[in-house]
Amino acid sequence: MSDSKSAARSELIFTLNDKPPLGQTLVAALQHMAAIFIGIVTPAIVISGALGFDTAMKAYLVSMSLLVSGVATFIQCRKIGPIGSGLLSIQGTSFTFLSLIIAIGFSVKGAGGTQEQMMAAIVGTTLICSATEMIFSRFIPFLRKIITPLVSGIVVLLIGTNLILVGIRDAGGGAWLLANKPDLYANPQNLIMALVVLVAIVIFNRTRNKWLRMGSIFLGMMVGYIVAAFMGKVNFGALSSMSIITPPIPFRFGISIAWSYVIPMCLLFLITTVESIGDLTATSMISGEPVEGELYVKRIAGGVLGDGVNSALASIFNSFPNTTFSQNNGVIQMTGVASRYVGFFIAGFLALFGLFPIVGGIFSIIPASVIGGAMIVMAGTIAASGIRIIATSTINRRGVLIIAISLGLGMGVVLVPQILNHFSPFFKSMFASPITTGGLVAILLNIILPRELKNQKIATDPNKDMLGQQEG
């Protein structure tokens, strides 16, 4: 047993296969719920708001996000055959796919499609692309050589910066308000609600109480929700028409495929695979389990396969791709409880909340500005995570060149979308995503650019340019 593994085990109260008493299990499960709840429901709320879904559809998607996350968490913790890691690894709706899903919805909406047709295209495209993660779960060592921290960091940074646009738009009142009532967009009330959430999150995040810090996003949004209610901006009347139970109906809205978004979606599943490897490795380490060797590789492969299977399951039940949640690792460290049996209770809570539409309804009527205030922080955090991942690489001339070209082209198609005017509709849709353009460029450059010799040093002379071309 390694020193790090021994140290991790010594700090644990309950290890992976321990069964804590019911009371302690429930407390630990509720602490995990506080850390993940907003993360699970926010993508459905943001997507619904951006695409103009009605309240009933929004509530249904929130319910399905919770229900599928519950089933997916059980699969991941229980490990069914080769599927799942068998660790206390929580599954939830992924933010990685958010902007691309919105783009698919807009493409269908632009062609005159209904909200049901938008969802059909989203779940159909996600379903066939989820096979990417299942396939690559069998080639973990090979994959890590292609998708290096530099590449994955660039993609995560592009995801975060692109989502900041969504957050800012919501802070002003949302896409629908901007398109239909631009005179009311970004009015003082909307900006005040967004600012209240933003300030509340900062205050909770900077307190010394670790539980307030961990729940800062959730608590900040609740403060904003209360303020919005007092301002008369929350329509509680919409809850009166909610049914008692939300039935999980497979492919409730049908199924279709947005072919021009298949390659971008597959790329995101590829990047998610690498992120999940990192999350699962961290979970294994803080759980006092091995982070090398046959058992470790088997768990990682099972966890990544579980990600892919659970994302396919999410598509079938009208939800969005799932992934492992990294914030739960912090809960494990703080509670000292790494027992995967806690995961069964978390799964049960999530599924139970998903079955009762009142839960989804409560979150579906949160004003867009409240979501926007939180989204700015969450999107910025994702972007910062990308920078942190990039920083783990050796940033030599080759690395700077890859970063520069990838970010330049990736953000360029967002800032000046007219650059794609002469592309065919298929390629225009595909490369309009900064994640696709920047991500594919990063992967391609990482493969074809020759690596520098280890004895070469990075130029530090301030008189030399950024890429060091004057280096002799």
Protein backbone atom coordinates (compact mmCIF):
# COMPACT_ATOMS: atom_id res chain seq x y z
CA MET A 1 0.00 0.00 0.00
CA SER A 2 1.46 3.40 -1.01
CA ASP A 3 2.01 6.23 1.47
CA SER A 4 -0.67 8.40 -0.16
CA LYS A 5 -3.18 5.55 -0.01
CA SER A 6 -2.37 4.90 3.65
CA ALA A 7 -2.72 8.60 4.47
CA ALA A 8 -6.08 8.81 2.73
CA ARG A 9 -7.37 5.73 4.55
CA SER A 10 -6.21 7.08 7.92
CA GLU A 11 -8.37 10.19 7.45
CA LEU A 12 -11.50 8.21 6.60
CA ILE A 13 -14.20 7.29 9.10
CA PHE A 14 -15.85 4.84 6.69
CA THR A 15 -13.97 3.33 3.76
CA LEU A 16 -15.33 2.20 0.39
CA ASN A 17 -17.08 -1.02 1.44
CA ASP A 18 -18.06 -0.04 4.99
CA LYS A 19 -21.75 0.26 5.86
CA PRO A 20 -22.23 3.32 8.12
CA PRO A 21 -25.17 3.42 10.58
CA LEU A 22 -28.40 4.68 9.01
CA GLY A 23 -28.27 8.09 10.71
CA GLN A 24 -24.72 8.86 9.56
CA THR A 25 -25.52 7.54 6.09
CA LEU A 26 -28.49 9.88 5.74
CA VAL A 27 -26.50 12.88 6.97
CA ALA A 28 -23.67 12.15 4.53
CA ALA A 29 -26.14 11.62 1.67
CA LEU A 30 -27.88 14.94 2.36
CA GLN A 31 -24.53 16.74 2.42
CA HIS A 32 -23.77 15.32 -1.03
CA MET A 33 -27.23 16.39 -2.19
CA ALA A 34 -26.57 19.98 -1.12
CA ALA A 35 -23.37 19.99 -3.16
CA ILE A 36 -24.85 18.55 -6.37
CA PHE A 37 -28.52 19.52 -6.54
CA ILE A 38 -28.14 22.86 -8.32
CA GLY A 39 -25.51 21.40 -10.63
CA ILE A 40 -27.93 18.70 -11.75
CA VAL A 41 -30.97 20.90 -12.40
CA THR A 42 -29.27 24.03 -13.78
CA PRO A 43 -28.46 22.70 -17.28
CA ALA A 44 -32.12 21.79 -17.87
CA ILE A 45 -33.22 25.23 -16.66
CA VAL A 46 -30.65 27.09 -18.78
CA ILE A 47 -31.40 25.04 -21.91
CA SER A 48 -35.14 25.51 -21.44
CA GLY A 49 -34.78 29.23 -20.96
CA ALA A 50 -32.50 29.67 -23.96
CA LEU A 51 -34.79 27.70 -26.25
CA GLY A 52 -38.00 29.26 -24.97
CA PHE A 53 -39.59 26.11 -23.55
CA ASP A 54 -42.83 26.56 -21.60
CA THR A 55 -43.03 26.03 -17.84
CA ALA A 56 -44.46 22.50 -18.10
CA MET A 57 -41.63 21.37 -20.39
CA LYS A 58 -39.02 23.04 -18.20
CA ALA A 59 -40.39 21.34 -15.06
CA TYR A 60 -40.49 17.97 -16.82
CA LEU A 61 -36.85 18.27 -17.94
CA VAL A 62 -35.75 19.19 -14.42
CA SER A 63 -37.61 16.14 -13.07
CA MET A 64 -36.04 13.84 -15.63
CA SER A 65 -32.58 15.25 -14.87
CA LEU A 66 -33.02 14.31 -11.22
CA LEU A 67 -34.52 10.90 -11.93
CA VAL A 68 -31.84 9.89 -14.45
CA SER A 69 -29.06 11.18 -12.20
CA GLY A 70 -30.43 8.96 -9.43
CA VAL A 71 -30.47 5.84 -11.61
CA ALA A 72 -27.05 6.70 -13.07
CA THR A 73 -25.54 7.23 -9.60
CA PHE A 74 -26.82 3.82 -8.48
CA ILE A 75 -25.27 2.17 -11.55
CA GLN A 76 -21.95 3.95 -10.98
CA CYS A 77 -21.75 3.09 -7.26
CA ARG A 78 -23.21 -0.42 -7.44
CA LYS A 79 -21.24 -1.49 -10.54
CA ILE A 80 -23.38 -3.75 -12.72
CA GLY A 81 -21.15 -6.16 -14.60
CA PRO A 82 -18.46 -4.06 -16.33
CA ILE A 83 -20.56 -0.89 -16.02
CA GLY A 84 -19.69 1.48 -13.20
CA SER A 85 -16.65 2.23 -11.07
CA GLY A 86 -17.91 0.79 -7.79
CA LEU A 87 -16.72 4.00 -6.08
CA LEU A 88 -18.75 6.69 -4.33
CA SER A 89 -18.97 8.54 -7.62
CA ILE A 90 -22.04 10.71 -8.19
CA GLN A 91 -23.51 11.22 -11.65
CA GLY A 92 -25.24 14.39 -12.75
CA THR A 93 -26.16 16.43 -15.80
CA SER A 94 -23.03 17.64 -17.58
CA PHE A 95 -22.35 21.32 -18.25
CA THR A 96 -19.92 20.35 -21.01
CA PHE A 97 -22.71 19.79 -23.54
CA LEU A 98 -24.86 22.77 -22.62
CA SER A 99 -23.94 25.25 -25.36
CA LEU A 100 -23.96 22.57 -28.07
CA ILE A 101 -27.40 21.33 -27.00
CA ILE A 102 -28.67 24.90 -27.18
CA ALA A 103 -27.19 25.18 -30.69
CA ILE A 104 -29.01 22.00 -31.78
CA GLY A 105 -32.25 23.39 -30.39
CA PHE A 106 -31.79 26.70 -32.21
CA SER A 107 -31.09 24.90 -35.50
CA VAL A 108 -34.39 23.02 -35.23
CA LYS A 109 -36.23 26.12 -34.01
CA GLY A 110 -34.84 28.15 -36.90
CA ALA A 111 -36.33 25.63 -39.32
CA GLY A 112 -39.76 26.13 -37.73
CA GLY A 113 -39.57 23.22 -35.29
CA THR A 114 -41.57 22.94 -32.09
CA GLN A 115 -40.13 22.42 -28.61
CA GLU A 116 -40.95 18.71 -28.91
CA GLN A 117 -39.02 18.51 -32.18
CA MET A 118 -36.09 20.33 -30.59
CA MET A 119 -35.99 17.76 -27.79
CA ALA A 120 -36.29 14.90 -30.28
CA ALA A 121 -33.19 16.13 -32.13
CA ILE A 122 -31.27 16.71 -28.90
CA VAL A 123 -31.92 13.26 -27.41
CA GLY A 124 -31.43 11.46 -30.72
CA THR A 125 -28.07 13.10 -31.41
CA THR A 126 -26.92 12.51 -27.84
CA LEU A 127 -27.99 8.86 -27.95
CA ILE A 128 -25.89 7.87 -30.97
CA CYS A 129 -22.91 9.94 -29.85
CA SER A 130 -22.85 8.44 -26.34
CA ALA A 131 -21.36 5.35 -27.99
CA THR A 132 -18.13 7.38 -28.33
CA GLU A 133 -17.52 7.26 -24.59
CA MET A 134 -18.47 3.60 -24.37
CA ILE A 135 -15.96 2.72 -27.09
CA PHE A 136 -13.12 4.81 -25.68
CA SER A 137 -13.65 3.31 -22.23
CA ARG A 138 -11.92 0.26 -23.70
CA PHE A 139 -8.87 2.28 -24.77
CA ILE A 140 -8.06 4.40 -21.71
CA PRO A 141 -4.20 4.34 -21.98
CA PHE A 142 -4.29 5.17 -25.70
CA LEU A 143 -6.80 7.97 -25.22
CA ARG A 144 -4.68 9.73 -22.60
CA LYS A 145 -1.84 10.02 -25.12
CA ILE A 146 -4.03 11.88 -27.64
CA ILE A 147 -6.18 14.00 -25.34
CA THR A 148 -3.43 15.49 -23.20
CA PRO A 149 -4.02 17.98 -20.37
CA LEU A 150 -3.15 20.76 -22.82
CA VAL A 151 -5.88 19.69 -25.24
CA SER A 152 -8.54 19.01 -22.61
CA GLY A 153 -7.67 22.26 -20.83
CA ILE A 154 -8.17 24.25 -24.04
CA VAL A 155 -11.55 22.62 -24.65
CA VAL A 156 -12.70 23.18 -21.05
CA LEU A 157 -11.59 26.83 -21.30
CA LEU A 158 -13.60 27.23 -24.53
CA ILE A 159 -16.63 25.62 -22.89
CA GLY A 160 -16.41 28.00 -19.95
CA THR A 161 -15.96 31.16 -22.02
CA ASN A 162 -18.84 30.17 -24.29
CA LEU A 163 -21.11 29.55 -21.30
CA ILE A 164 -20.24 32.98 -19.93
CA LEU A 165 -22.18 34.37 -22.90
CA VAL A 166 -25.19 32.31 -21.78
CA GLY A 167 -24.82 33.54 -18.20
CA ILE A 168 -24.59 37.20 -19.21
CA ARG A 169 -27.61 36.83 -21.50
CA ASP A 170 -29.65 35.26 -18.69
CA ALA A 171 -28.53 37.93 -16.23
CA GLY A 172 -30.24 40.51 -18.41
CA GLY A 173 -33.50 38.55 -18.45
CA GLY A 174 -32.92 35.63 -20.81
CA ALA A 175 -32.96 34.89 -24.53
CA TRP A 176 -36.75 35.13 -24.87
CA LEU A 177 -36.89 38.60 -23.36
CA LEU A 178 -33.99 39.78 -25.51
CA ALA A 179 -35.67 38.51 -28.69
CA ASN A 180 -39.27 39.49 -27.96
CA LYS A 181 -39.15 42.47 -25.61
CA PRO A 182 -35.72 44.05 -26.03
CA ASP A 183 -36.89 47.27 -24.35
CA LEU A 184 -37.34 45.33 -21.08
CA TYR A 185 -34.07 43.44 -21.39
CA ALA A 186 -31.37 44.26 -18.81
CA ASN A 187 -33.72 46.54 -16.87
CA PRO A 188 -32.66 47.52 -13.33
CA GLN A 189 -34.78 44.81 -11.66
CA ASN A 190 -33.20 42.01 -13.70
CA LEU A 191 -29.69 43.30 -13.08
CA ILE A 192 -30.38 43.68 -9.35
CA MET A 193 -31.57 40.04 -9.11
CA ALA A 194 -28.44 38.80 -10.92
CA LEU A 195 -26.21 40.99 -8.75
CA VAL A 196 -27.84 39.78 -5.52
CA VAL A 197 -27.12 36.16 -6.49
CA LEU A 198 -23.56 36.97 -7.50
CA VAL A 199 -22.82 38.83 -4.26
CA ALA A 200 -24.50 36.14 -2.12
CA ILE A 201 -22.40 33.42 -3.74
CA VAL A 202 -19.21 35.39 -3.07
CA ILE A 203 -20.19 35.95 0.59
CA PHE A 204 -21.05 32.28 1.20
CA ASN A 205 -17.95 31.12 -0.66
CA ARG A 206 -15.63 33.27 1.44
CA THR A 207 -17.00 32.27 4.86
CA ARG A 208 -14.98 30.06 7.17
CA ASN A 209 -17.84 27.58 7.49
CA LYS A 210 -16.98 24.73 5.13
CA TRP A 211 -20.62 23.72 4.63
CA LEU A 212 -21.63 27.23 3.59
CA ARG A 213 -18.70 27.29 1.17
CA MET A 214 -19.68 24.00 -0.40
CA GLY A 215 -23.30 25.06 -0.80
CA SER A 216 -22.50 28.61 -1.92
CA ILE A 217 -24.06 28.26 -5.40
CA PHE A 218 -27.23 26.65 -4.03
CA LEU A 219 -27.56 29.16 -1.19
CA GLY A 220 -26.81 32.13 -3.45
CA MET A 221 -29.56 31.09 -5.85
CA MET A 222 -32.00 30.60 -2.98
CA VAL A 223 -31.27 34.13 -1.76
CA GLY A 224 -31.89 35.41 -5.29
CA TYR A 225 -35.07 33.33 -5.52
CA ILE A 226 -36.43 34.87 -2.31
CA VAL A 227 -35.54 38.40 -3.44
CA ALA A 228 -37.20 37.75 -6.82
CA ALA A 229 -40.33 36.47 -5.07
CA PHE A 230 -40.57 39.65 -2.97
CA MET A 231 -40.13 41.67 -6.17
CA GLY A 232 -43.09 39.81 -7.71
CA LYS A 233 -40.94 38.15 -10.36
CA VAL A 234 -41.82 34.52 -9.52
CA ASN A 235 -45.02 33.05 -10.98
CA PHE A 236 -46.10 30.57 -8.30
CA GLY A 237 -49.45 30.18 -10.05
CA ALA A 238 -47.75 27.97 -12.63
CA LEU A 239 -47.33 25.28 -9.94
CA SER A 240 -51.06 24.74 -9.54
CA SER A 241 -51.34 22.79 -12.79
CA MET A 242 -48.58 20.32 -11.90
CA SER A 243 -49.50 16.63 -11.79
CA ILE A 244 -48.77 14.49 -8.74
CA ILE A 245 -46.30 12.09 -10.37
CA THR A 246 -43.97 12.56 -13.34
CA PRO A 247 -44.03 9.33 -15.40
CA PRO A 248 -40.64 8.54 -17.03
CA ILE A 249 -41.76 7.84 -20.62
CA PRO A 250 -39.00 6.71 -23.02
CA PHE A 251 -38.61 9.03 -26.03
CA ARG A 252 -41.66 11.02 -24.98
CA PHE A 253 -40.97 13.63 -27.66
CA GLY A 254 -39.81 11.26 -30.38
CA ILE A 255 -36.31 10.92 -31.78
CA SER A 256 -34.37 12.46 -34.66
CA ILE A 257 -30.73 13.25 -35.40
CA ALA A 258 -29.09 16.61 -36.12
CA TRP A 259 -26.36 15.21 -38.35
CA SER A 260 -24.26 18.37 -38.53
CA TYR A 261 -23.82 18.21 -34.76
CA VAL A 262 -22.75 14.58 -34.53
CA ILE A 263 -19.00 15.24 -34.84
CA PRO A 264 -19.06 18.13 -32.32
CA MET A 265 -21.07 15.98 -29.90
CA CYS A 266 -18.67 13.04 -30.29
CA LEU A 267 -15.77 15.40 -29.59
CA LEU A 268 -17.41 16.53 -26.36
CA PHE A 269 -17.93 12.92 -25.28
CA LEU A 270 -14.23 12.38 -25.97
CA ILE A 271 -13.29 15.32 -23.77
CA THR A 272 -15.76 14.20 -21.10
CA THR A 273 -14.04 10.82 -21.07
CA VAL A 274 -10.75 12.46 -20.12
CA GLU A 275 -12.43 14.62 -17.47
CA SER A 276 -14.12 11.56 -15.98
CA ILE A 277 -10.78 9.76 -15.80
CA GLY A 278 -9.47 12.65 -13.69
CA ASP A 279 -12.55 12.75 -11.45
CA LEU A 280 -12.55 8.99 -10.89
CA THR A 281 -8.82 9.00 -10.15
CA ALA A 282 -9.35 11.71 -7.54
CA THR A 283 -12.26 9.78 -6.01
CA SER A 284 -10.16 6.62 -5.84
CA MET A 285 -7.27 8.47 -4.23
CA ILE A 286 -9.27 10.23 -1.49
CA SER A 287 -11.15 6.96 -0.84
CA GLY A 288 -7.87 5.27 0.03
CA GLU A 289 -8.06 3.08 -3.06
CA PRO A 290 -5.26 2.43 -5.60
CA VAL A 291 -4.52 4.93 -8.38
CA GLU A 292 -2.42 2.52 -10.39
CA GLY A 293 -2.45 -1.14 -11.26
CA GLU A 294 -5.03 -3.56 -12.61
CA LEU A 295 -7.83 -2.76 -10.14
CA TYR A 296 -7.47 0.98 -10.78
CA VAL A 297 -7.57 0.62 -14.57
CA LYS A 298 -10.58 -1.70 -14.30
CA ARG A 299 -12.44 0.83 -12.14
CA ILE A 300 -11.61 3.73 -14.45
CA ALA A 301 -12.70 1.76 -17.52
CA GLY A 302 -15.93 0.76 -15.76
CA GLY A 303 -16.59 4.31 -14.63
CA VAL A 304 -16.10 5.78 -18.11
CA LEU A 305 -18.27 3.03 -19.60
CA GLY A 306 -20.86 3.92 -16.96
CA ASP A 307 -20.71 7.55 -18.07
CA GLY A 308 -21.49 6.54 -21.65
CA VAL A 309 -24.26 4.11 -20.73
CA ASN A 310 -25.83 6.62 -18.35
CA SER A 311 -25.76 9.33 -21.02
CA ALA A 312 -27.56 6.96 -23.39
CA LEU A 313 -30.05 6.23 -20.61
CA ALA A 314 -30.54 9.97 -20.13
CA SER A 315 -31.35 10.34 -23.85
CA ILE A 316 -33.91 7.55 -23.69
CA PHE A 317 -35.65 9.25 -20.78
CA ASN A 318 -35.62 12.74 -22.30
CA SER A 319 -32.72 14.22 -20.37
CA PHE A 320 -29.17 15.36 -21.13
CA PRO A 321 -25.72 13.69 -20.98
CA ASN A 322 -24.50 12.63 -17.56
CA THR A 323 -21.00 12.70 -16.14
CA THR A 324 -19.18 12.21 -12.85
CA PHE A 325 -19.36 15.17 -10.47
CA SER A 326 -16.05 16.31 -9.02
CA GLN A 327 -17.53 18.38 -6.16
CA ASN A 328 -18.45 15.18 -4.31
CA ASN A 329 -14.77 14.51 -3.76
CA GLY A 330 -14.73 17.55 -1.49
CA VAL A 331 -17.66 16.15 0.48
CA ILE A 332 -15.85 12.83 0.94
CA GLN A 333 -12.80 14.65 2.27
CA MET A 334 -14.82 16.82 4.65
CA THR A 335 -17.06 14.05 6.02
CA GLY A 336 -14.49 11.24 6.00
CA VAL A 337 -17.16 8.99 4.49
CA ALA A 338 -16.12 7.18 1.30
CA SER A 339 -18.65 4.35 1.56
CA ARG A 340 -20.31 3.60 -1.75
CA TYR A 341 -23.44 2.56 0.18
CA VAL A 342 -24.04 6.26 0.83
CA GLY A 343 -24.32 6.54 -2.95
CA PHE A 344 -27.36 4.23 -2.92
CA PHE A 345 -29.19 6.68 -0.64
CA ILE A 346 -28.14 9.65 -2.77
CA ALA A 347 -29.47 7.79 -5.82
CA GLY A 348 -32.74 7.13 -4.00
CA PHE A 349 -33.19 10.79 -3.01
CA LEU A 350 -32.51 11.98 -6.57
CA ALA A 351 -34.92 9.48 -8.12
CA LEU A 352 -37.60 10.28 -5.54
CA PHE A 353 -37.33 14.03 -6.18
CA GLY A 354 -37.48 13.37 -9.91
CA LEU A 355 -40.75 11.48 -9.66
CA PHE A 356 -42.58 14.39 -8.01
CA PRO A 357 -43.02 17.28 -10.48
CA ILE A 358 -43.50 19.85 -7.72
CA VAL A 359 -39.71 19.72 -7.17
CA GLY A 360 -39.02 20.40 -10.84
CA GLY A 361 -41.77 23.01 -10.86
CA ILE A 362 -40.23 24.99 -8.01
CA PHE A 363 -36.95 25.23 -9.89
CA SER A 364 -38.54 25.76 -13.31
CA ILE A 365 -40.02 29.11 -12.29
CA ILE A 366 -36.74 30.61 -11.09
CA PRO A 367 -36.33 33.88 -13.04
CA ALA A 368 -33.69 33.88 -15.76
CA SER A 369 -31.76 36.68 -14.05
CA VAL A 370 -31.33 34.57 -10.91
CA ILE A 371 -29.99 31.71 -13.03
CA GLY A 372 -27.78 34.17 -14.88
CA GLY A 373 -26.16 35.46 -11.72
CA ALA A 374 -25.20 31.93 -10.70
CA MET A 375 -24.30 30.92 -14.26
CA ILE A 376 -21.69 33.65 -14.54
CA VAL A 377 -19.90 32.15 -11.53
CA MET A 378 -20.30 28.54 -12.70
CA ALA A 379 -19.19 29.31 -16.26
CA GLY A 380 -16.27 31.35 -15.01
CA THR A 381 -15.31 28.47 -12.72
CA ILE A 382 -15.32 26.09 -15.69
CA ALA A 383 -13.10 28.49 -17.65
CA ALA A 384 -10.76 28.80 -14.66
CA SER A 385 -10.61 25.00 -14.43
CA GLY A 386 -9.51 24.93 -18.06
CA ILE A 387 -6.70 27.35 -17.28
CA ARG A 388 -5.69 25.22 -14.31
CA ILE A 389 -5.59 22.08 -16.47
CA ILE A 390 -3.50 23.87 -19.10
CA ALA A 391 -1.11 25.01 -16.37
CA THR A 392 -0.30 21.38 -15.53
CA SER A 393 1.35 21.06 -18.96
CA THR A 394 4.77 22.28 -19.97
CA ILE A 395 3.99 25.49 -21.84
CA ASN A 396 6.85 25.70 -24.34
CA ARG A 397 6.78 27.26 -27.81
CA ARG A 398 4.81 24.32 -29.16
CA GLY A 399 2.25 24.57 -26.36
CA VAL A 400 1.81 28.32 -26.77
CA LEU A 401 1.27 27.85 -30.51
CA ILE A 402 -1.42 25.22 -29.93
CA ILE A 403 -3.17 27.42 -27.34
CA ALA A 404 -2.97 30.52 -29.53
CA ILE A 405 -4.36 28.96 -32.70
CA SER A 406 -7.03 26.89 -30.93
CA LEU A 407 -8.36 29.78 -28.86
CA GLY A 408 -8.06 32.22 -31.76
CA LEU A 409 -10.13 30.09 -34.13
CA GLY A 410 -12.47 28.77 -31.44
CA MET A 411 -13.48 32.19 -30.12
CA GLY A 412 -13.25 33.73 -33.59
CA VAL A 413 -16.25 31.81 -34.91
CA VAL A 414 -18.29 33.08 -31.95
CA LEU A 415 -17.24 36.72 -32.19
CA VAL A 416 -17.46 36.87 -36.00
CA PRO A 417 -19.82 34.06 -37.11
CA GLN A 418 -19.97 35.60 -40.59
CA ILE A 419 -16.56 34.03 -41.26
CA LEU A 420 -18.50 30.82 -42.00
CA ASN A 421 -20.94 32.43 -44.46
CA HIS A 422 -19.62 30.54 -47.49
CA PHE A 423 -19.60 27.13 -45.79
CA SER A 424 -22.36 24.65 -46.57
CA PRO A 425 -25.20 24.60 -43.99
CA PHE A 426 -23.87 21.29 -42.63
CA PHE A 427 -20.32 22.56 -41.98
CA LYS A 428 -21.56 25.98 -40.94
CA SER A 429 -23.60 24.39 -38.15
CA MET A 430 -20.75 22.13 -37.14
CA PHE A 431 -17.96 24.72 -36.98
CA ALA A 432 -20.11 27.48 -35.48
CA SER A 433 -19.37 25.87 -32.12
CA PRO A 434 -16.12 27.18 -30.58
CA ILE A 435 -15.74 23.81 -28.88
CA THR A 436 -15.72 21.98 -32.21
CA THR A 437 -13.46 24.43 -34.03
CA GLY A 438 -11.02 25.01 -31.18
CA GLY A 439 -11.12 21.43 -29.92
CA LEU A 440 -10.48 19.80 -33.29
CA VAL A 441 -7.67 22.26 -34.02
CA ALA A 442 -6.08 21.52 -30.63
CA ILE A 443 -6.24 17.75 -31.20
CA LEU A 444 -4.90 18.04 -34.75
CA LEU A 445 -2.01 20.33 -33.79
CA ASN A 446 -1.15 18.13 -30.80
CA ILE A 447 -0.80 15.17 -33.18
CA ILE A 448 1.06 16.78 -36.09
CA LEU A 449 3.34 19.36 -34.44
CA PRO A 450 6.72 17.81 -33.56
CA ARG A 451 7.46 17.74 -29.87
CA GLU A 452 10.45 19.71 -28.65
CA LEU A 453 13.47 17.94 -27.25
CA LYS A 454 13.62 17.72 -23.48
CA ASN A 455 16.87 19.69 -23.31
CA GLN A 456 15.37 22.68 -25.13
CA LYS A 457 14.54 25.58 -22.84
CA ILE A 458 11.79 28.16 -23.03
CA ALA A 459 13.03 31.60 -24.02
CA THR A 460 12.72 34.05 -21.15
CA ASP A 461 14.32 37.11 -22.74
CA PRO A 462 11.68 39.87 -22.65
CA ASN A 463 13.07 41.25 -25.91
CA LYS A 464 12.03 38.08 -27.71
CA ASP A 465 8.47 37.68 -28.96
CA MET A 466 5.87 35.40 -27.33
CA LEU A 467 6.57 32.39 -29.55
CA GLY A 468 10.34 32.75 -29.22
CA GLN A 469 11.01 32.88 -32.97
CA GLN A 470 14.25 34.78 -32.37
CA GLU A 471 15.64 31.95 -30.31
CA GLY A 472 18.89 30.84 -31.89
